[in-house]
Amino acid sequence: RGDLTALAELLDPDVELMWWTPGDWDCHGKAEVLALLT
């Protein structure tokens, strides 16, 4: 629905979002993950 609030509440401060090939698409930490999802 375009609302990241509920998703943000579920993220650990040290969450990682990893692409299938390691590199520039990887995100480390809640702020980076939320920036990419936004």
PDB file of all heavy atoms in Angstrom:
ATOM      1  N   ARG A   1       0.836  -1.212   0.000  1.00  0.00           N
ATOM      2  CA  ARG A   1       0.000   0.000   0.000  1.00  0.00           C
ATOM      3  C   ARG A   1       0.867   1.256   0.000  1.00  0.00           C
ATOM      4  O   ARG A   1       0.343   2.363   0.037  1.00  0.00           O
ATOM      5  CB  ARG A   1      -0.906   0.019   1.231  1.00  0.00           C
ATOM      6  CG  ARG A   1      -1.987  -1.022   1.247  1.00  0.00           C
ATOM      7  CD  ARG A   1      -2.980  -0.756   2.381  1.00  0.00           C
ATOM      8  NE  ARG A   1      -2.325  -0.362   3.621  1.00  0.00           N
ATOM      9  CZ  ARG A   1      -2.147  -1.168   4.686  1.00  0.00           C
ATOM     10  NH1 ARG A   1      -2.582  -2.395   4.659  1.00  0.00           N
ATOM     11  NH2 ARG A   1      -1.555  -0.713   5.767  1.00  0.00           N
ATOM     12  N   GLY A   2       2.188   1.076   0.022  1.00  0.00           N
ATOM     13  CA  GLY A   2       3.093   2.214   0.048  1.00  0.00           C
ATOM     14  C   GLY A   2       3.439   2.683   1.448  1.00  0.00           C
ATOM     15  O   GLY A   2       4.057   3.725   1.620  1.00  0.00           O
ATOM     16  N   ASP A   3       3.057   1.924   2.474  1.00  0.00           N
ATOM     17  CA  ASP A   3       3.304   2.283   3.866  1.00  0.00           C
ATOM     18  C   ASP A   3       4.440   1.429   4.414  1.00  0.00           C
ATOM     19  O   ASP A   3       4.282   0.225   4.598  1.00  0.00           O
ATOM     20  CB  ASP A   3       2.024   2.065   4.680  1.00  0.00           C
ATOM     21  CG  ASP A   3       2.219   2.294   6.160  1.00  0.00           C
ATOM     22  OD1 ASP A   3       3.254   2.865   6.559  1.00  0.00           O
ATOM     23  OD2 ASP A   3       1.328   1.902   6.931  1.00  0.00           O
ATOM     24  N   LEU A   4       5.577   2.047   4.662  1.00  0.00           N
ATOM     25  CA  LEU A   4       6.735   1.307   5.169  1.00  0.00           C
ATOM     26  C   LEU A   4       6.772   1.244   6.698  1.00  0.00           C
ATOM     27  O   LEU A   4       7.629   0.569   7.258  1.00  0.00           O
ATOM     28  CB  LEU A   4       8.021   1.931   4.657  1.00  0.00           C
ATOM     29  CG  LEU A   4       8.317   1.664   3.189  1.00  0.00           C
ATOM     30  CD1 LEU A   4       9.479   2.515   2.710  1.00  0.00           C
ATOM     31  CD2 LEU A   4       8.610   0.208   2.963  1.00  0.00           C
ATOM     32  N   THR A   5       5.849   1.911   7.372  1.00  0.00           N
ATOM     33  CA  THR A   5       5.873   1.955   8.836  1.00  0.00           C
ATOM     34  C   THR A   5       5.796   0.568   9.454  1.00  0.00           C
ATOM     35  O   THR A   5       6.608   0.226  10.320  1.00  0.00           O
ATOM     36  CB  THR A   5       4.733   2.848   9.368  1.00  0.00           C
ATOM     37  OG1 THR A   5       4.844   4.128   8.768  1.00  0.00           O
ATOM     38  CG2 THR A   5       4.812   2.982  10.870  1.00  0.00           C
ATOM     39  N   ALA A   6       4.820  -0.238   9.041  1.00  0.00           N
ATOM     40  CA  ALA A   6       4.668  -1.579   9.620  1.00  0.00           C
ATOM     41  C   ALA A   6       5.881  -2.444   9.317  1.00  0.00           C
ATOM     42  O   ALA A   6       6.334  -3.211  10.171  1.00  0.00           O
ATOM     43  CB  ALA A   6       3.397  -2.249   9.107  1.00  0.00           C
ATOM     44  N   LEU A   7       6.435  -2.317   8.127  1.00  0.00           N
ATOM     45  CA  LEU A   7       7.626  -3.080   7.765  1.00  0.00           C
ATOM     46  C   LEU A   7       8.834  -2.603   8.574  1.00  0.00           C
ATOM     47  O   LEU A   7       9.614  -3.406   9.077  1.00  0.00           O
ATOM     48  CB  LEU A   7       7.900  -2.959   6.268  1.00  0.00           C
ATOM     49  CG  LEU A   7       8.919  -3.910   5.666  1.00  0.00           C
ATOM     50  CD1 LEU A   7       8.537  -5.360   5.904  1.00  0.00           C
ATOM     51  CD2 LEU A   7       9.071  -3.651   4.187  1.00  0.00           C
ATOM     52  N   ALA A   8       8.971  -1.297   8.741  1.00  0.00           N
ATOM     53  CA  ALA A   8      10.088  -0.733   9.500  1.00  0.00           C
ATOM     54  C   ALA A   8      10.090  -1.242  10.940  1.00  0.00           C
ATOM     55  O   ALA A   8      11.160  -1.503  11.509  1.00  0.00           O
ATOM     56  CB  ALA A   8      10.029   0.784   9.482  1.00  0.00           C
ATOM     57  N   GLU A   9       8.918  -1.406  11.517  1.00  0.00           N
ATOM     58  CA  GLU A   9       8.810  -1.887  12.893  1.00  0.00           C
ATOM     59  C   GLU A   9       9.321  -3.319  13.044  1.00  0.00           C
ATOM     60  O   GLU A   9       9.679  -3.735  14.136  1.00  0.00           O
ATOM     61  CB  GLU A   9       7.371  -1.795  13.380  1.00  0.00           C
ATOM     62  CG  GLU A   9       6.892  -0.379  13.551  1.00  0.00           C
ATOM     63  CD  GLU A   9       5.400  -0.288  13.840  1.00  0.00           C
ATOM     64  OE1 GLU A   9       4.722  -1.332  13.930  1.00  0.00           O
ATOM     65  OE2 GLU A   9       4.916   0.841  13.990  1.00  0.00           O
ATOM     66  N   LEU A  10       9.351  -4.066  11.952  1.00  0.00           N
ATOM     67  CA  LEU A  10       9.787  -5.461  11.995  1.00  0.00           C
ATOM     68  C   LEU A  10      11.296  -5.633  11.815  1.00  0.00           C
ATOM     69  O   LEU A  10      11.816  -6.721  12.005  1.00  0.00           O
ATOM     70  CB  LEU A  10       9.083  -6.258  10.894  1.00  0.00           C
ATOM     71  CG  LEU A  10       7.589  -6.429  11.019  1.00  0.00           C
ATOM     72  CD1 LEU A  10       7.051  -7.150   9.797  1.00  0.00           C
ATOM     73  CD2 LEU A  10       7.237  -7.175  12.286  1.00  0.00           C
ATOM     74  N   LEU A  11      11.983  -4.574  11.423  1.00  0.00           N
ATOM     75  CA  LEU A  11      13.401  -4.695  11.087  1.00  0.00           C
ATOM     76  C   LEU A  11      14.305  -4.523  12.297  1.00  0.00           C
ATOM     77  O   LEU A  11      14.212  -3.537  13.027  1.00  0.00           O
ATOM     78  CB  LEU A  11      13.783  -3.664  10.020  1.00  0.00           C
ATOM     79  CG  LEU A  11      13.041  -3.753   8.699  1.00  0.00           C
ATOM     80  CD1 LEU A  11      13.515  -2.637   7.763  1.00  0.00           C
ATOM     81  CD2 LEU A  11      13.209  -5.116   8.058  1.00  0.00           C
ATOM     82  N   ASP A  12      15.199  -5.476  12.479  1.00  0.00           N
ATOM     83  CA  ASP A  12      16.231  -5.381  13.489  1.00  0.00           C
ATOM     84  C   ASP A  12      17.160  -4.225  13.106  1.00  0.00           C
ATOM     85  O   ASP A  12      17.375  -3.982  11.918  1.00  0.00           O
ATOM     86  CB  ASP A  12      17.009  -6.707  13.512  1.00  0.00           C
ATOM     87  CG  ASP A  12      18.061  -6.749  14.585  1.00  0.00           C
ATOM     88  OD1 ASP A  12      17.723  -7.137  15.715  1.00  0.00           O
ATOM     89  OD2 ASP A  12      19.233  -6.409  14.283  1.00  0.00           O
ATOM     90  N   PRO A  13      17.737  -3.511  14.065  1.00  0.00           N
ATOM     91  CA  PRO A  13      18.658  -2.417  13.714  1.00  0.00           C
ATOM     92  C   PRO A  13      19.829  -2.865  12.830  1.00  0.00           C
ATOM     93  O   PRO A  13      20.326  -2.082  12.030  1.00  0.00           O
ATOM     94  CB  PRO A  13      19.169  -1.923  15.073  1.00  0.00           C
ATOM     95  CG  PRO A  13      18.124  -2.335  16.053  1.00  0.00           C
ATOM     96  CD  PRO A  13      17.525  -3.615  15.506  1.00  0.00           C
ATOM     97  N   ASP A  14      20.241  -4.122  12.952  1.00  0.00           N
ATOM     98  CA  ASP A  14      21.372  -4.627  12.174  1.00  0.00           C
ATOM     99  C   ASP A  14      20.942  -5.521  11.008  1.00  0.00           C
ATOM    100  O   ASP A  14      21.734  -6.330  10.511  1.00  0.00           O
ATOM    101  CB  ASP A  14      22.327  -5.406  13.085  1.00  0.00           C
ATOM    102  CG  ASP A  14      22.946  -4.520  14.155  1.00  0.00           C
ATOM    103  OD1 ASP A  14      23.290  -3.363  13.839  1.00  0.00           O
ATOM    104  OD2 ASP A  14      23.050  -4.976  15.306  1.00  0.00           O
ATOM    105  N   VAL A  15      19.717  -5.381  10.549  1.00  0.00           N
ATOM    106  CA  VAL A  15      19.193  -6.203   9.465  1.00  0.00           C
ATOM    107  C   VAL A  15      20.075  -6.099   8.225  1.00  0.00           C
ATOM    108  O   VAL A  15      20.696  -5.063   7.974  1.00  0.00           O
ATOM    109  CB  VAL A  15      17.733  -5.803   9.130  1.00  0.00           C
ATOM    110  CG1 VAL A  15      17.654  -4.389   8.585  1.00  0.00           C
ATOM    111  CG2 VAL A  15      17.090  -6.794   8.168  1.00  0.00           C
ATOM    112  N   GLU A  16      20.132  -7.193   7.462  1.00  0.00           N
ATOM    113  CA  GLU A  16      20.861  -7.196   6.196  1.00  0.00           C
ATOM    114  C   GLU A  16      19.909  -7.600   5.078  1.00  0.00           C
ATOM    115  O   GLU A  16      19.107  -8.510   5.240  1.00  0.00           O
ATOM    116  CB  GLU A  16      22.016  -8.192   6.234  1.00  0.00           C
ATOM    117  CG  GLU A  16      23.123  -7.804   7.171  1.00  0.00           C
ATOM    118  CD  GLU A  16      24.282  -8.760   7.096  1.00  0.00           C
ATOM    119  OE1 GLU A  16      24.054  -9.983   7.000  1.00  0.00           O
ATOM    120  OE2 GLU A  16      25.418  -8.275   7.116  1.00  0.00           O
ATOM    121  N   LEU A  17      20.024  -6.917   3.958  1.00  0.00           N
ATOM    122  CA  LEU A  17      19.306  -7.256   2.735  1.00  0.00           C
ATOM    123  C   LEU A  17      20.379  -7.565   1.702  1.00  0.00           C
ATOM    124  O   LEU A  17      21.141  -6.683   1.299  1.00  0.00           O
ATOM    125  CB  LEU A  17      18.425  -6.096   2.274  1.00  0.00           C
ATOM    126  CG  LEU A  17      17.740  -6.241   0.919  1.00  0.00           C
ATOM    127  CD1 LEU A  17      16.837  -7.464   0.884  1.00  0.00           C
ATOM    128  CD2 LEU A  17      16.946  -4.989   0.589  1.00  0.00           C
ATOM    129  N   MET A  18      20.455  -8.838   1.320  1.00  0.00           N
ATOM    130  CA  MET A  18      21.536  -9.283   0.456  1.00  0.00           C
ATOM    131  C   MET A  18      20.994  -9.699  -0.915  1.00  0.00           C
ATOM    132  O   MET A  18      20.030 -10.457  -0.995  1.00  0.00           O
ATOM    133  CB  MET A  18      22.263 -10.460   1.099  1.00  0.00           C
ATOM    134  CG  MET A  18      22.697 -10.197   2.553  1.00  0.00           C
ATOM    135  SD  MET A  18      23.778  -8.767   2.758  1.00  0.00           S
ATOM    136  CE  MET A  18      25.291  -9.491   2.173  1.00  0.00           C
ATOM    137  N   TRP A  19      21.625  -9.186  -1.964  1.00  0.00           N
ATOM    138  CA  TRP A  19      21.277  -9.521  -3.342  1.00  0.00           C
ATOM    139  C   TRP A  19      21.807 -10.908  -3.657  1.00  0.00           C
ATOM    140  O   TRP A  19      22.690 -11.408  -2.971  1.00  0.00           O
ATOM    141  CB  TRP A  19      21.909  -8.470  -4.249  1.00  0.00           C
ATOM    142  CG  TRP A  19      21.468  -8.516  -5.681  1.00  0.00           C
ATOM    143  CD1 TRP A  19      22.234  -8.877  -6.738  1.00  0.00           C
ATOM    144  CD2 TRP A  19      20.199  -8.177  -6.202  1.00  0.00           C
ATOM    145  NE1 TRP A  19      21.524  -8.782  -7.897  1.00  0.00           N
ATOM    146  CE2 TRP A  19      20.252  -8.352  -7.604  1.00  0.00           C
ATOM    147  CE3 TRP A  19      19.004  -7.736  -5.638  1.00  0.00           C
ATOM    148  CZ2 TRP A  19      19.176  -8.110  -8.436  1.00  0.00           C
ATOM    149  CZ3 TRP A  19      17.927  -7.499  -6.470  1.00  0.00           C
ATOM    150  CH2 TRP A  19      18.020  -7.686  -7.851  1.00  0.00           C
ATOM    151  N   TRP A  20      21.312 -11.547  -4.711  1.00  0.00           N
ATOM    152  CA  TRP A  20      21.782 -12.896  -5.039  1.00  0.00           C
ATOM    153  C   TRP A  20      23.246 -12.923  -5.439  1.00  0.00           C
ATOM    154  O   TRP A  20      23.904 -13.936  -5.318  1.00  0.00           O
ATOM    155  CB  TRP A  20      20.914 -13.608  -6.055  1.00  0.00           C
ATOM    156  CG  TRP A  20      20.690 -12.907  -7.369  1.00  0.00           C
ATOM    157  CD1 TRP A  20      21.594 -12.681  -8.354  1.00  0.00           C
ATOM    158  CD2 TRP A  20      19.456 -12.389  -7.846  1.00  0.00           C
ATOM    159  NE1 TRP A  20      21.016 -12.044  -9.413  1.00  0.00           N
ATOM    160  CE2 TRP A  20      19.679 -11.855  -9.132  1.00  0.00           C
ATOM    161  CE3 TRP A  20      18.174 -12.312  -7.332  1.00  0.00           C
ATOM    162  CZ2 TRP A  20      18.692 -11.256  -9.888  1.00  0.00           C
ATOM    163  CZ3 TRP A  20      17.185 -11.719  -8.087  1.00  0.00           C
ATOM    164  CH2 TRP A  20      17.448 -11.202  -9.347  1.00  0.00           C
ATOM    165  N   THR A  21      23.775 -11.809  -5.949  1.00  0.00           N
ATOM    166  CA  THR A  21      25.195 -11.678  -6.228  1.00  0.00           C
ATOM    167  C   THR A  21      25.727 -10.569  -5.325  1.00  0.00           C
ATOM    168  O   THR A  21      25.284  -9.430  -5.441  1.00  0.00           O
ATOM    169  CB  THR A  21      25.438 -11.295  -7.708  1.00  0.00           C
ATOM    170  OG1 THR A  21      24.834 -12.285  -8.537  1.00  0.00           O
ATOM    171  CG2 THR A  21      26.913 -11.196  -8.022  1.00  0.00           C
ATOM    172  N   PRO A  22      26.642 -10.868  -4.410  1.00  0.00           N
ATOM    173  CA  PRO A  22      27.145  -9.836  -3.501  1.00  0.00           C
ATOM    174  C   PRO A  22      27.675  -8.625  -4.262  1.00  0.00           C
ATOM    175  O   PRO A  22      28.296  -8.758  -5.314  1.00  0.00           O
ATOM    176  CB  PRO A  22      28.277 -10.541  -2.746  1.00  0.00           C
ATOM    177  CG  PRO A  22      27.933 -11.995  -2.842  1.00  0.00           C
ATOM    178  CD  PRO A  22      27.270 -12.168  -4.186  1.00  0.00           C
ATOM    179  N   GLY A  23      27.385  -7.443  -3.716  1.00  0.00           N
ATOM    180  CA  GLY A  23      27.865  -6.228  -4.361  1.00  0.00           C
ATOM    181  C   GLY A  23      27.109  -4.995  -3.930  1.00  0.00           C
ATOM    182  O   GLY A  23      26.647  -4.888  -2.790  1.00  0.00           O
ATOM    183  N   ASP A  24      26.951  -4.063  -4.868  1.00  0.00           N
ATOM    184  CA  ASP A  24      26.370  -2.758  -4.581  1.00  0.00           C
ATOM    185  C   ASP A  24      24.917  -2.798  -4.118  1.00  0.00           C
ATOM    186  O   ASP A  24      24.435  -1.846  -3.511  1.00  0.00           O
ATOM    187  CB  ASP A  24      26.465  -1.853  -5.818  1.00  0.00           C
ATOM    188  CG  ASP A  24      27.904  -1.495  -6.152  1.00  0.00           C
ATOM    189  OD1 ASP A  24      28.768  -1.614  -5.261  1.00  0.00           O
ATOM    190  OD2 ASP A  24      28.160  -1.111  -7.306  1.00  0.00           O
ATOM    191  N   TRP A  25      24.195  -3.861  -4.425  1.00  0.00           N
ATOM    192  CA  TRP A  25      22.780  -3.942  -4.045  1.00  0.00           C
ATOM    193  C   TRP A  25      22.591  -4.376  -2.594  1.00  0.00           C
ATOM    194  O   TRP A  25      21.504  -4.309  -2.058  1.00  0.00           O
ATOM    195  CB  TRP A  25      22.042  -4.910  -4.968  1.00  0.00           C
ATOM    196  CG  TRP A  25      21.838  -4.347  -6.337  1.00  0.00           C
ATOM    197  CD1 TRP A  25      22.714  -4.390  -7.379  1.00  0.00           C
ATOM    198  CD2 TRP A  25      20.696  -3.657  -6.816  1.00  0.00           C
ATOM    199  NE1 TRP A  25      22.183  -3.776  -8.483  1.00  0.00           N
ATOM    200  CE2 TRP A  25      20.941  -3.309  -8.162  1.00  0.00           C
ATOM    201  CE3 TRP A  25      19.489  -3.300  -6.245  1.00  0.00           C
ATOM    202  CZ2 TRP A  25      20.023  -2.616  -8.933  1.00  0.00           C
ATOM    203  CZ3 TRP A  25      18.564  -2.611  -7.029  1.00  0.00           C
ATOM    204  CH2 TRP A  25      18.847  -2.273  -8.349  1.00  0.00           C
ATOM    205  N   ASP A  26      23.641  -4.847  -1.952  1.00  0.00           N
ATOM    206  CA  ASP A  26      23.540  -5.289  -0.561  1.00  0.00           C
ATOM    207  C   ASP A  26      23.348  -4.092   0.368  1.00  0.00           C
ATOM    208  O   ASP A  26      23.946  -3.031   0.156  1.00  0.00           O
ATOM    209  CB  ASP A  26      24.793  -6.045  -0.140  1.00  0.00           C
ATOM    210  CG  ASP A  26      24.972  -7.359  -0.887  1.00  0.00           C
ATOM    211  OD1 ASP A  26      24.002  -7.822  -1.519  1.00  0.00           O
ATOM    212  OD2 ASP A  26      26.082  -7.911  -0.837  1.00  0.00           O
ATOM    213  N   CYS A  27      22.525  -4.279   1.394  1.00  0.00           N
ATOM    214  CA  CYS A  27      22.271  -3.230   2.378  1.00  0.00           C
ATOM    215  C   CYS A  27      22.551  -3.782   3.769  1.00  0.00           C
ATOM    216  O   CYS A  27      22.138  -4.896   4.092  1.00  0.00           O
ATOM    217  CB  CYS A  27      20.816  -2.769   2.327  1.00  0.00           C
ATOM    218  SG  CYS A  27      20.319  -2.020   0.779  1.00  0.00           S
ATOM    219  N   HIS A  28      23.195  -2.967   4.582  1.00  0.00           N
ATOM    220  CA  HIS A  28      23.536  -3.361   5.947  1.00  0.00           C
ATOM    221  C   HIS A  28      22.967  -2.324   6.911  1.00  0.00           C
ATOM    222  O   HIS A  28      23.335  -1.153   6.837  1.00  0.00           O
ATOM    223  CB  HIS A  28      25.052  -3.471   6.116  1.00  0.00           C
ATOM    224  CG  HIS A  28      25.671  -4.419   5.134  1.00  0.00           C
ATOM    225  ND1 HIS A  28      25.689  -5.771   5.341  1.00  0.00           N
ATOM    226  CD2 HIS A  28      26.253  -4.204   3.932  1.00  0.00           C
ATOM    227  CE1 HIS A  28      26.276  -6.358   4.312  1.00  0.00           C
ATOM    228  NE2 HIS A  28      26.620  -5.427   3.437  1.00  0.00           N
ATOM    229  N   GLY A  29      22.074  -2.739   7.773  1.00  0.00           N
ATOM    230  CA  GLY A  29      21.474  -1.846   8.756  1.00  0.00           C
ATOM    231  C   GLY A  29      20.099  -1.361   8.321  1.00  0.00           C
ATOM    232  O   GLY A  29      19.784  -1.285   7.129  1.00  0.00           O
ATOM    233  N   LYS A  30      19.301  -1.072   9.303  1.00  0.00           N
ATOM    234  CA  LYS A  30      17.909  -0.686   9.082  1.00  0.00           C
ATOM    235  C   LYS A  30      17.776   0.547   8.182  1.00  0.00           C
ATOM    236  O   LYS A  30      16.935   0.582   7.291  1.00  0.00           O
ATOM    237  CB  LYS A  30      17.252  -0.433  10.445  1.00  0.00           C
ATOM    238  CG  LYS A  30      15.783  -0.199  10.403  1.00  0.00           C
ATOM    239  CD  LYS A  30      15.227  -0.134  11.821  1.00  0.00           C
ATOM    240  CE  LYS A  30      13.738   0.040  11.824  1.00  0.00           C
ATOM    241  NZ  LYS A  30      13.185  -0.030  13.191  1.00  0.00           N
ATOM    242  N   ALA A  31      18.620   1.549   8.385  1.00  0.00           N
ATOM    243  CA  ALA A  31      18.524   2.780   7.584  1.00  0.00           C
ATOM    244  C   ALA A  31      18.762   2.501   6.103  1.00  0.00           C
ATOM    245  O   ALA A  31      18.023   2.999   5.248  1.00  0.00           O
ATOM    246  CB  ALA A  31      19.503   3.832   8.098  1.00  0.00           C
ATOM    247  N   GLU A  32      19.791   1.710   5.774  1.00  0.00           N
ATOM    248  CA  GLU A  32      20.069   1.385   4.371  1.00  0.00           C
ATOM    249  C   GLU A  32      18.944   0.570   3.744  1.00  0.00           C
ATOM    250  O   GLU A  32      18.556   0.814   2.604  1.00  0.00           O
ATOM    251  CB  GLU A  32      21.376   0.584   4.246  1.00  0.00           C
ATOM    252  CG  GLU A  32      22.619   1.414   4.282  1.00  0.00           C
ATOM    253  CD  GLU A  32      23.863   0.585   3.971  1.00  0.00           C
ATOM    254  OE1 GLU A  32      23.781  -0.387   3.185  1.00  0.00           O
ATOM    255  OE2 GLU A  32      24.917   0.921   4.530  1.00  0.00           O
ATOM    256  N   VAL A  33      18.441  -0.412   4.491  1.00  0.00           N
ATOM    257  CA  VAL A  33      17.357  -1.253   3.973  1.00  0.00           C
ATOM    258  C   VAL A  33      16.123  -0.402   3.708  1.00  0.00           C
ATOM    259  O   VAL A  33      15.512  -0.487   2.638  1.00  0.00           O
ATOM    260  CB  VAL A  33      17.043  -2.416   4.939  1.00  0.00           C
ATOM    261  CG1 VAL A  33      15.765  -3.140   4.524  1.00  0.00           C
ATOM    262  CG2 VAL A  33      18.212  -3.389   4.989  1.00  0.00           C
ATOM    263  N   LEU A  34      15.750   0.442   4.655  1.00  0.00           N
ATOM    264  CA  LEU A  34      14.567   1.289   4.469  1.00  0.00           C
ATOM    265  C   LEU A  34      14.757   2.279   3.326  1.00  0.00           C
ATOM    266  O   LEU A  34      13.810   2.556   2.579  1.00  0.00           O
ATOM    267  CB  LEU A  34      14.225   2.023   5.757  1.00  0.00           C
ATOM    268  CG  LEU A  34      13.590   1.157   6.826  1.00  0.00           C
ATOM    269  CD1 LEU A  34      13.438   1.933   8.130  1.00  0.00           C
ATOM    270  CD2 LEU A  34      12.241   0.607   6.362  1.00  0.00           C
ATOM    271  N   ALA A  35      15.970   2.795   3.152  1.00  0.00           N
ATOM    272  CA  ALA A  35      16.227   3.714   2.037  1.00  0.00           C
ATOM    273  C   ALA A  35      15.995   3.010   0.704  1.00  0.00           C
ATOM    274  O   ALA A  35      15.353   3.565  -0.205  1.00  0.00           O
ATOM    275  CB  ALA A  35      17.642   4.265   2.119  1.00  0.00           C
ATOM    276  N   LEU A  36      16.488   1.791   0.572  1.00  0.00           N
ATOM    277  CA  LEU A  36      16.298   1.033  -0.671  1.00  0.00           C
ATOM    278  C   LEU A  36      14.821   0.719  -0.892  1.00  0.00           C
ATOM    279  O   LEU A  36      14.300   0.900  -2.000  1.00  0.00           O
ATOM    280  CB  LEU A  36      17.112  -0.255  -0.655  1.00  0.00           C
ATOM    281  CG  LEU A  36      16.924  -1.145  -1.888  1.00  0.00           C
ATOM    282  CD1 LEU A  36      17.419  -0.445  -3.147  1.00  0.00           C
ATOM    283  CD2 LEU A  36      17.614  -2.475  -1.699  1.00  0.00           C
ATOM    284  N   LEU A  37      14.129   0.260   0.143  1.00  0.00           N
ATOM    285  CA  LEU A  37      12.709  -0.071  -0.012  1.00  0.00           C
ATOM    286  C   LEU A  37      11.877   1.163  -0.322  1.00  0.00           C
ATOM    287  O   LEU A  37      10.937   1.099  -1.116  1.00  0.00           O
ATOM    288  CB  LEU A  37      12.196  -0.781   1.239  1.00  0.00           C
ATOM    289  CG  LEU A  37      12.837  -2.142   1.524  1.00  0.00           C
ATOM    290  CD1 LEU A  37      12.296  -2.721   2.823  1.00  0.00           C
ATOM    291  CD2 LEU A  37      12.657  -3.100   0.372  1.00  0.00           C
ATOM    292  N   THR A  38      12.225   2.295   0.264  1.00  0.00           N
ATOM    293  CA  THR A  38      11.523   3.554  -0.026  1.00  0.00           C
ATOM    294  C   THR A  38      11.737   3.944  -1.483  1.00  0.00           C
ATOM    295  O   THR A  38      10.801   4.353  -2.170  1.00  0.00           O
ATOM    296  CB  THR A  38      12.019   4.671   0.911  1.00  0.00           C
ATOM    297  OG1 THR A  38      11.746   4.286   2.257  1.00  0.00           O
ATOM    298  CG2 THR A  38      11.344   5.993   0.612  1.00  0.00           C
TER     299      THR A  38
END
